[in-house]
Amino acid sequence: SKRGQAATQTSWLMHEFTLLQELHARGGDVPEPLEHGEQALLMEFIGDGLDAAPTLNDVVLEPGEAQRLFERVLFNVELLLELGWVHGDLSAHNILYQHGRIILIDFPQVVDCRSNHKARSLFERDLTRVAEYFADAGWSVDPRRLAQDLWAKHVGDTDSPE
């Protein structure tokens, strides 16, 4: 029903708003959530003047910047895992870049890392996509090994994904 769809929409918006609040409070690189309504979230604008910050995939990093930014992405990935979530669609397309810092965006599709049977494979995909971007920028890691180590550290399940 329309009422049910509206309730679901509001529930997801509240979930995203609450998650962003928690990430921001813990020092996560996310837009600060400011307000919410039944149909929308109001967040901090990331950009200069009227120009929005570009997504990372549209940026050529300075030499030496890749490692530092990759480590910052991992900090945020670990924050999500500590809270019990996997981004589910993380890539250079969902990371903004502004003045040498990164900002993760697009959280409506987060999944519970303990109850969603696809969470681990989504987590591996997230890390693979991010690692591919940073490898092209000069910083290389083994995303499968990294995913295995982080999953074991934060979730505890060391079985292979489906």
N, C-alpha and C. Protein backbone atom coordinates (compact mmCIF):
# COMPACT_ATOMS: atom_id res chain seq x y z
N SER A 1 0.84 -1.19 0.00
CA SER A 1 0.00 0.00 0.00
C SER A 1 0.88 1.24 0.00
N LYS A 2 0.29 2.37 -0.35
CA LYS A 2 1.03 3.64 -0.34
C LYS A 2 1.47 4.00 1.07
N ARG A 3 0.62 3.73 2.04
CA ARG A 3 0.97 4.02 3.43
C ARG A 3 2.15 3.16 3.87
N GLY A 4 2.14 1.90 3.49
CA GLY A 4 3.24 1.00 3.82
C GLY A 4 4.55 1.42 3.16
N GLN A 5 4.47 1.84 1.89
CA GLN A 5 5.65 2.32 1.19
C GLN A 5 6.20 3.58 1.84
N ALA A 6 5.33 4.47 2.26
CA ALA A 6 5.76 5.70 2.93
C ALA A 6 6.43 5.38 4.26
N ALA A 7 5.88 4.43 4.99
CA ALA A 7 6.47 4.03 6.27
C ALA A 7 7.85 3.41 6.07
N THR A 8 7.99 2.58 5.03
CA THR A 8 9.28 1.97 4.72
C THR A 8 10.30 3.04 4.35
N GLN A 9 9.90 3.99 3.51
CA GLN A 9 10.78 5.09 3.11
C GLN A 9 11.25 5.87 4.34
N THR A 10 10.34 6.22 5.21
CA THR A 10 10.69 6.97 6.42
C THR A 10 11.63 6.16 7.31
N SER A 11 11.37 4.86 7.42
CA SER A 11 12.22 3.99 8.23
C SER A 11 13.65 3.97 7.69
N TRP A 12 13.82 3.83 6.37
CA TRP A 12 15.15 3.81 5.78
C TRP A 12 15.85 5.15 5.94
N LEU A 13 15.11 6.24 5.78
CA LEU A 13 15.70 7.57 5.97
C LEU A 13 16.19 7.74 7.40
N MET A 14 15.38 7.31 8.35
CA MET A 14 15.79 7.41 9.76
C MET A 14 17.01 6.53 10.03
N HIS A 15 17.03 5.35 9.42
CA HIS A 15 18.17 4.46 9.58
C HIS A 15 19.44 5.12 9.04
N GLU A 16 19.37 5.68 7.84
CA GLU A 16 20.53 6.34 7.25
C GLU A 16 20.94 7.55 8.08
N PHE A 17 19.98 8.33 8.54
CA PHE A 17 20.27 9.51 9.35
C PHE A 17 20.99 9.10 10.64
N THR A 18 20.49 8.09 11.31
CA THR A 18 21.08 7.62 12.56
C THR A 18 22.49 7.07 12.32
N LEU A 19 22.66 6.31 11.26
CA LEU A 19 23.98 5.77 10.93
C LEU A 19 24.97 6.90 10.66
N LEU A 20 24.57 7.89 9.87
CA LEU A 20 25.45 9.02 9.59
C LEU A 20 25.80 9.79 10.87
N GLN A 21 24.83 9.95 11.76
CA GLN A 21 25.11 10.61 13.04
C GLN A 21 26.17 9.86 13.81
N GLU A 22 26.02 8.54 13.88
CA GLU A 22 26.96 7.71 14.63
C GLU A 22 28.35 7.76 14.00
N LEU A 23 28.42 7.61 12.69
CA LEU A 23 29.72 7.67 12.00
C LEU A 23 30.38 9.03 12.20
N HIS A 24 29.62 10.08 12.04
CA HIS A 24 30.15 11.44 12.20
C HIS A 24 30.65 11.65 13.63
N ALA A 25 29.90 11.20 14.61
CA ALA A 25 30.28 11.36 16.02
C ALA A 25 31.57 10.60 16.34
N ARG A 26 31.83 9.52 15.63
CA ARG A 26 33.04 8.72 15.86
C ARG A 26 34.21 9.17 14.99
N GLY A 27 34.06 10.28 14.30
CA GLY A 27 35.14 10.79 13.48
C GLY A 27 35.16 10.26 12.07
N GLY A 28 34.06 9.65 11.64
CA GLY A 28 33.98 9.14 10.28
C GLY A 28 33.94 10.26 9.26
N ASP A 29 34.46 9.95 8.10
CA ASP A 29 34.48 10.91 7.00
C ASP A 29 33.19 10.79 6.20
N VAL A 30 32.14 11.38 6.74
CA VAL A 30 30.82 11.39 6.11
C VAL A 30 30.25 12.80 6.23
N PRO A 31 29.31 13.15 5.37
CA PRO A 31 28.67 14.45 5.54
C PRO A 31 27.94 14.49 6.89
N GLU A 32 28.02 15.63 7.55
CA GLU A 32 27.29 15.75 8.81
C GLU A 32 25.79 15.76 8.54
N PRO A 33 25.04 14.86 9.15
CA PRO A 33 23.59 14.88 8.97
C PRO A 33 23.01 16.01 9.80
N LEU A 34 22.16 16.83 9.19
CA LEU A 34 21.64 18.01 9.88
C LEU A 34 20.19 17.86 10.30
N GLU A 35 19.37 17.32 9.43
CA GLU A 35 17.93 17.22 9.72
C GLU A 35 17.35 16.15 8.81
N HIS A 36 16.17 15.69 9.16
CA HIS A 36 15.48 14.72 8.32
C HIS A 36 13.99 15.01 8.34
N GLY A 37 13.35 14.59 7.30
CA GLY A 37 11.90 14.65 7.20
C GLY A 37 11.42 13.28 6.77
N GLU A 38 10.16 13.19 6.42
CA GLU A 38 9.61 11.90 6.00
C GLU A 38 10.17 11.45 4.65
N GLN A 39 10.59 12.40 3.81
CA GLN A 39 11.01 12.05 2.46
C GLN A 39 12.45 12.44 2.12
N ALA A 40 13.16 13.08 3.04
CA ALA A 40 14.50 13.55 2.68
C ALA A 40 15.39 13.73 3.89
N LEU A 41 16.70 13.72 3.61
CA LEU A 41 17.73 14.02 4.61
C LEU A 41 18.40 15.33 4.20
N LEU A 42 18.71 16.14 5.17
CA LEU A 42 19.50 17.34 4.94
C LEU A 42 20.87 17.08 5.54
N MET A 43 21.91 17.17 4.69
CA MET A 43 23.27 16.92 5.14
C MET A 43 24.16 18.10 4.79
N GLU A 44 25.29 18.15 5.45
CA GLU A 44 26.32 19.13 5.16
C GLU A 44 26.65 19.10 3.67
N PHE A 45 26.81 20.26 3.08
CA PHE A 45 27.23 20.37 1.69
C PHE A 45 28.74 20.19 1.63
N ILE A 46 29.20 19.31 0.77
CA ILE A 46 30.63 19.08 0.59
C ILE A 46 31.02 19.68 -0.75
N GLY A 47 31.73 20.79 -0.71
CA GLY A 47 32.16 21.46 -1.93
C GLY A 47 32.64 22.86 -1.63
N ASP A 48 32.89 23.59 -2.69
CA ASP A 48 33.35 24.97 -2.60
C ASP A 48 32.32 25.87 -3.27
N GLY A 49 31.79 26.82 -2.51
CA GLY A 49 30.78 27.71 -3.07
C GLY A 49 29.59 26.91 -3.53
N LEU A 50 29.29 27.01 -4.82
CA LEU A 50 28.17 26.27 -5.39
C LEU A 50 28.61 24.96 -6.06
N ASP A 51 29.90 24.72 -6.09
CA ASP A 51 30.43 23.53 -6.76
C ASP A 51 30.60 22.38 -5.78
N ALA A 52 29.91 21.29 -6.07
CA ALA A 52 30.03 20.09 -5.24
C ALA A 52 31.41 19.47 -5.42
N ALA A 53 31.90 18.85 -4.37
CA ALA A 53 33.17 18.13 -4.45
C ALA A 53 33.04 16.99 -5.46
N PRO A 54 34.10 16.72 -6.21
CA PRO A 54 34.04 15.62 -7.18
C PRO A 54 34.11 14.27 -6.47
N THR A 55 33.64 13.25 -7.17
CA THR A 55 33.83 11.90 -6.67
C THR A 55 35.28 11.50 -6.95
N LEU A 56 35.77 10.59 -6.15
CA LEU A 56 37.17 10.19 -6.24
C LEU A 56 37.53 9.68 -7.63
N ASN A 57 36.61 9.01 -8.30
CA ASN A 57 36.90 8.49 -9.63
C ASN A 57 37.17 9.58 -10.66
N ASP A 58 36.82 10.83 -10.34
CA ASP A 58 37.07 11.96 -11.24
C ASP A 58 38.31 12.75 -10.85
N VAL A 59 39.12 12.20 -9.95
CA VAL A 59 40.28 12.92 -9.42
C VAL A 59 41.56 12.16 -9.75
N VAL A 60 42.59 12.90 -10.13
CA VAL A 60 43.93 12.33 -10.26
C VAL A 60 44.68 12.75 -9.01
N LEU A 61 45.05 11.76 -8.21
CA LEU A 61 45.70 12.05 -6.93
C LEU A 61 47.14 12.50 -7.13
N GLU A 62 47.60 13.32 -6.21
CA GLU A 62 49.00 13.73 -6.18
C GLU A 62 49.86 12.53 -5.77
N PRO A 63 51.12 12.48 -6.23
CA PRO A 63 52.00 11.40 -5.79
C PRO A 63 52.08 11.35 -4.27
N GLY A 64 52.03 10.16 -3.73
CA GLY A 64 52.12 9.99 -2.29
C GLY A 64 50.80 10.14 -1.55
N GLU A 65 49.77 10.58 -2.22
CA GLU A 65 48.48 10.81 -1.57
C GLU A 65 47.65 9.52 -1.45
N ALA A 66 47.89 8.58 -2.34
CA ALA A 66 47.06 7.37 -2.41
C ALA A 66 47.08 6.56 -1.11
N GLN A 67 48.25 6.32 -0.54
CA GLN A 67 48.34 5.50 0.67
C GLN A 67 47.57 6.14 1.81
N ARG A 68 47.77 7.43 2.03
CA ARG A 68 47.11 8.13 3.14
C ARG A 68 45.59 8.08 2.97
N LEU A 69 45.11 8.32 1.77
CA LEU A 69 43.66 8.31 1.54
C LEU A 69 43.09 6.90 1.64
N PHE A 70 43.82 5.91 1.14
CA PHE A 70 43.36 4.53 1.27
C PHE A 70 43.23 4.15 2.74
N GLU A 71 44.22 4.52 3.53
CA GLU A 71 44.15 4.22 4.97
C GLU A 71 42.96 4.91 5.62
N ARG A 72 42.62 6.09 5.14
CA ARG A 72 41.45 6.79 5.69
C ARG A 72 40.16 6.08 5.28
N VAL A 73 40.10 5.58 4.06
CA VAL A 73 38.94 4.79 3.64
C VAL A 73 38.81 3.57 4.55
N LEU A 74 39.92 2.90 4.82
CA LEU A 74 39.88 1.72 5.69
C LEU A 74 39.42 2.08 7.10
N PHE A 75 39.83 3.22 7.61
CA PHE A 75 39.34 3.67 8.91
C PHE A 75 37.81 3.71 8.91
N ASN A 76 37.23 4.26 7.86
CA ASN A 76 35.78 4.35 7.76
C ASN A 76 35.12 2.99 7.57
N VAL A 77 35.74 2.13 6.79
CA VAL A 77 35.22 0.77 6.60
C VAL A 77 35.20 0.04 7.94
N GLU A 78 36.25 0.21 8.72
CA GLU A 78 36.30 -0.44 10.04
C GLU A 78 35.27 0.16 11.00
N LEU A 79 35.04 1.46 10.93
CA LEU A 79 33.98 2.06 11.75
C LEU A 79 32.64 1.42 11.44
N LEU A 80 32.35 1.27 10.16
CA LEU A 80 31.10 0.63 9.76
C LEU A 80 31.01 -0.78 10.32
N LEU A 81 32.09 -1.57 10.18
CA LEU A 81 32.08 -2.94 10.69
C LEU A 81 31.87 -2.97 12.20
N GLU A 82 32.52 -2.05 12.92
CA GLU A 82 32.35 -1.99 14.37
C GLU A 82 30.90 -1.73 14.75
N LEU A 83 30.19 -0.98 13.91
CA LEU A 83 28.78 -0.70 14.15
C LEU A 83 27.87 -1.81 13.61
N GLY A 84 28.47 -2.80 12.94
CA GLY A 84 27.71 -3.94 12.44
C GLY A 84 27.23 -3.80 11.01
N TRP A 85 27.86 -2.92 10.23
CA TRP A 85 27.38 -2.64 8.88
C TRP A 85 28.46 -2.78 7.83
N VAL A 86 28.01 -3.10 6.63
CA VAL A 86 28.83 -3.10 5.42
C VAL A 86 28.19 -2.09 4.48
N HIS A 87 29.00 -1.24 3.85
CA HIS A 87 28.47 -0.21 2.96
C HIS A 87 27.62 -0.83 1.86
N GLY A 88 28.15 -1.82 1.18
CA GLY A 88 27.38 -2.54 0.17
C GLY A 88 27.49 -1.98 -1.24
N ASP A 89 28.01 -0.76 -1.41
CA ASP A 89 28.18 -0.18 -2.73
C ASP A 89 29.36 0.79 -2.73
N LEU A 90 30.40 0.45 -2.00
CA LEU A 90 31.54 1.36 -1.88
C LEU A 90 32.45 1.24 -3.09
N SER A 91 32.78 2.37 -3.64
CA SER A 91 33.72 2.46 -4.75
C SER A 91 34.16 3.92 -4.86
N ALA A 92 35.04 4.20 -5.79
CA ALA A 92 35.49 5.58 -6.00
C ALA A 92 34.35 6.48 -6.46
N HIS A 93 33.23 5.89 -6.87
CA HIS A 93 32.06 6.67 -7.28
C HIS A 93 31.25 7.16 -6.07
N ASN A 94 31.45 6.53 -4.90
CA ASN A 94 30.72 6.90 -3.69
C ASN A 94 31.64 7.46 -2.61
N ILE A 95 32.74 8.03 -3.07
CA ILE A 95 33.68 8.72 -2.18
C ILE A 95 33.95 10.08 -2.79
N LEU A 96 33.67 11.13 -2.04
CA LEU A 96 33.97 12.47 -2.51
C LEU A 96 35.40 12.82 -2.13
N TYR A 97 35.99 13.76 -2.88
CA TYR A 97 37.34 14.22 -2.60
C TYR A 97 37.32 15.74 -2.54
N GLN A 98 37.83 16.27 -1.43
CA GLN A 98 37.90 17.73 -1.30
C GLN A 98 39.14 18.12 -0.51
N HIS A 99 39.99 18.89 -1.14
CA HIS A 99 41.17 19.45 -0.48
C HIS A 99 41.96 18.40 0.29
N GLY A 100 42.22 17.27 -0.34
CA GLY A 100 43.05 16.25 0.28
C GLY A 100 42.35 15.34 1.26
N ARG A 101 41.04 15.42 1.35
CA ARG A 101 40.31 14.52 2.25
C ARG A 101 39.23 13.78 1.47
N ILE A 102 38.82 12.65 2.02
CA ILE A 102 37.76 11.85 1.41
C ILE A 102 36.51 11.93 2.28
N ILE A 103 35.35 11.76 1.64
CA ILE A 103 34.07 11.74 2.34
C ILE A 103 33.24 10.62 1.71
N LEU A 104 32.87 9.63 2.52
CA LEU A 104 32.04 8.53 2.02
C LEU A 104 30.58 8.98 1.95
N ILE A 105 29.90 8.57 0.89
CA ILE A 105 28.50 8.92 0.70
C ILE A 105 27.71 7.69 0.28
N ASP A 106 26.41 7.88 0.16
CA ASP A 106 25.49 6.88 -0.40
C ASP A 106 25.36 5.64 0.50
N PHE A 107 24.64 5.82 1.59
CA PHE A 107 24.49 4.76 2.59
C PHE A 107 23.13 4.05 2.62
N PRO A 108 22.20 4.33 1.73
CA PRO A 108 20.89 3.66 1.86
C PRO A 108 20.93 2.15 1.73
N GLN A 109 21.95 1.60 1.11
CA GLN A 109 21.99 0.16 0.87
C GLN A 109 22.86 -0.60 1.86
N VAL A 110 23.25 0.01 2.99
CA VAL A 110 24.07 -0.72 3.97
C VAL A 110 23.36 -2.00 4.39
N VAL A 111 24.18 -3.01 4.71
CA VAL A 111 23.62 -4.29 5.14
C VAL A 111 24.23 -4.68 6.48
N ASP A 112 23.45 -5.38 7.26
CA ASP A 112 23.89 -5.88 8.56
C ASP A 112 24.93 -6.98 8.32
N CYS A 113 26.12 -6.81 8.90
CA CYS A 113 27.19 -7.77 8.63
C CYS A 113 26.99 -9.12 9.31
N ARG A 114 26.09 -9.19 10.26
CA ARG A 114 25.89 -10.46 10.97
C ARG A 114 24.64 -11.22 10.53
N SER A 115 23.66 -10.52 10.01
CA SER A 115 22.43 -11.22 9.67
C SER A 115 22.16 -11.32 8.16
N ASN A 116 22.88 -10.58 7.35
CA ASN A 116 22.67 -10.65 5.91
C ASN A 116 23.66 -11.65 5.32
N HIS A 117 23.14 -12.70 4.71
CA HIS A 117 24.01 -13.77 4.19
C HIS A 117 24.91 -13.31 3.05
N LYS A 118 24.63 -12.16 2.46
CA LYS A 118 25.47 -11.63 1.37
C LYS A 118 26.45 -10.58 1.86
N ALA A 119 26.44 -10.25 3.13
CA ALA A 119 27.25 -9.16 3.66
C ALA A 119 28.74 -9.36 3.38
N ARG A 120 29.23 -10.56 3.60
CA ARG A 120 30.67 -10.77 3.42
C ARG A 120 31.08 -10.62 1.96
N SER A 121 30.29 -11.14 1.05
CA SER A 121 30.64 -10.99 -0.37
C SER A 121 30.52 -9.52 -0.81
N LEU A 122 29.55 -8.80 -0.26
CA LEU A 122 29.44 -7.37 -0.56
C LEU A 122 30.65 -6.62 0.01
N PHE A 123 31.08 -7.02 1.20
CA PHE A 123 32.25 -6.41 1.82
C PHE A 123 33.50 -6.61 0.95
N GLU A 124 33.69 -7.84 0.49
CA GLU A 124 34.83 -8.12 -0.39
C GLU A 124 34.74 -7.30 -1.67
N ARG A 125 33.55 -7.19 -2.23
CA ARG A 125 33.37 -6.40 -3.44
C ARG A 125 33.71 -4.93 -3.18
N ASP A 126 33.24 -4.40 -2.05
CA ASP A 126 33.56 -3.01 -1.68
C ASP A 126 35.07 -2.80 -1.64
N LEU A 127 35.78 -3.67 -0.93
CA LEU A 127 37.23 -3.50 -0.79
C LEU A 127 37.94 -3.70 -2.12
N THR A 128 37.47 -4.61 -2.94
CA THR A 128 38.08 -4.82 -4.26
C THR A 128 37.93 -3.58 -5.12
N ARG A 129 36.75 -3.00 -5.16
CA ARG A 129 36.53 -1.79 -5.97
C ARG A 129 37.43 -0.64 -5.51
N VAL A 130 37.51 -0.45 -4.20
CA VAL A 130 38.33 0.63 -3.66
C VAL A 130 39.81 0.35 -3.94
N ALA A 131 40.23 -0.89 -3.73
CA ALA A 131 41.63 -1.26 -3.97
C ALA A 131 42.02 -1.07 -5.44
N GLU A 132 41.11 -1.37 -6.35
CA GLU A 132 41.39 -1.19 -7.78
C GLU A 132 41.65 0.28 -8.10
N TYR A 133 40.85 1.18 -7.55
CA TYR A 133 41.07 2.60 -7.77
C TYR A 133 42.44 3.02 -7.25
N PHE A 134 42.74 2.64 -6.00
CA PHE A 134 44.00 3.07 -5.39
C PHE A 134 45.21 2.39 -6.04
N ALA A 135 45.07 1.18 -6.57
CA ALA A 135 46.17 0.55 -7.31
C ALA A 135 46.51 1.39 -8.53
N ASP A 136 45.48 1.87 -9.23
CA ASP A 136 45.70 2.75 -10.38
C ASP A 136 46.36 4.06 -9.97
N ALA A 137 46.16 4.47 -8.71
CA ALA A 137 46.73 5.72 -8.20
C ALA A 137 48.09 5.50 -7.54
N GLY A 138 48.59 4.25 -7.55
CA GLY A 138 49.93 4.00 -7.06
C GLY A 138 50.04 3.32 -5.70
N TRP A 139 48.92 2.87 -5.12
CA TRP A 139 48.98 2.18 -3.84
C TRP A 139 48.27 0.84 -3.98
N SER A 140 48.99 -0.25 -3.80
CA SER A 140 48.43 -1.56 -4.06
C SER A 140 48.35 -2.41 -2.79
N VAL A 141 47.24 -3.09 -2.62
CA VAL A 141 47.03 -4.04 -1.53
C VAL A 141 46.29 -5.25 -2.10
N ASP A 142 46.28 -6.33 -1.35
CA ASP A 142 45.53 -7.52 -1.71
C ASP A 142 44.14 -7.39 -1.08
N PRO A 143 43.12 -7.03 -1.85
CA PRO A 143 41.80 -6.79 -1.25
C PRO A 143 41.17 -8.02 -0.63
N ARG A 144 41.40 -9.18 -1.19
CA ARG A 144 40.82 -10.41 -0.61
C ARG A 144 41.42 -10.69 0.76
N ARG A 145 42.71 -10.56 0.87
CA ARG A 145 43.38 -10.80 2.16
C ARG A 145 42.96 -9.75 3.17
N LEU A 146 42.91 -8.51 2.73
CA LEU A 146 42.48 -7.42 3.61
C LEU A 146 41.06 -7.65 4.10
N ALA A 147 40.18 -8.03 3.19
CA ALA A 147 38.79 -8.30 3.57
C ALA A 147 38.73 -9.44 4.58
N GLN A 148 39.49 -10.48 4.35
CA GLN A 148 39.51 -11.62 5.28
C GLN A 148 39.99 -11.18 6.67
N ASP A 149 41.06 -10.40 6.71
CA ASP A 149 41.61 -9.95 7.99
C ASP A 149 40.65 -9.03 8.74
N LEU A 150 40.06 -8.08 8.03
CA LEU A 150 39.14 -7.14 8.68
C LEU A 150 37.86 -7.84 9.14
N TRP A 151 37.38 -8.76 8.31
CA TRP A 151 36.16 -9.50 8.69
C TRP A 151 36.42 -10.32 9.95
N ALA A 152 37.55 -11.02 9.99
CA ALA A 152 37.89 -11.82 11.17
C ALA A 152 38.04 -10.94 12.41
N LYS A 153 38.63 -9.79 12.25
CA LYS A 153 38.87 -8.88 13.37
C LYS A 153 37.57 -8.31 13.94
N HIS A 154 36.64 -7.93 13.07
CA HIS A 154 35.44 -7.22 13.52
C HIS A 154 34.18 -8.05 13.60
N VAL A 155 34.09 -9.07 12.77
CA VAL A 155 32.87 -9.88 12.74
C VAL A 155 33.13 -11.23 13.37
N GLY A 156 34.33 -11.76 13.19
CA GLY A 156 34.70 -13.01 13.83
C GLY A 156 34.47 -14.24 12.99
N ASP A 157 33.71 -14.13 11.94
CA ASP A 157 33.43 -15.27 11.07
C ASP A 157 34.54 -15.31 10.04
N THR A 158 35.33 -16.37 10.02
CA THR A 158 36.43 -16.46 9.08
C THR A 158 36.14 -17.41 7.93
N ASP A 159 34.91 -17.91 7.82
CA ASP A 159 34.55 -18.76 6.68
C ASP A 159 34.57 -17.95 5.40
N SER A 160 34.79 -18.61 4.30
CA SER A 160 34.77 -17.94 3.00
C SER A 160 33.36 -17.48 2.67
N PRO A 161 33.23 -16.40 1.89
CA PRO A 161 31.91 -15.94 1.49
C PRO A 161 31.27 -16.92 0.52
N GLU A 162 29.98 -16.79 0.37
CA GLU A 162 29.25 -17.68 -0.55
C GLU A 162 29.65 -17.43 -1.96
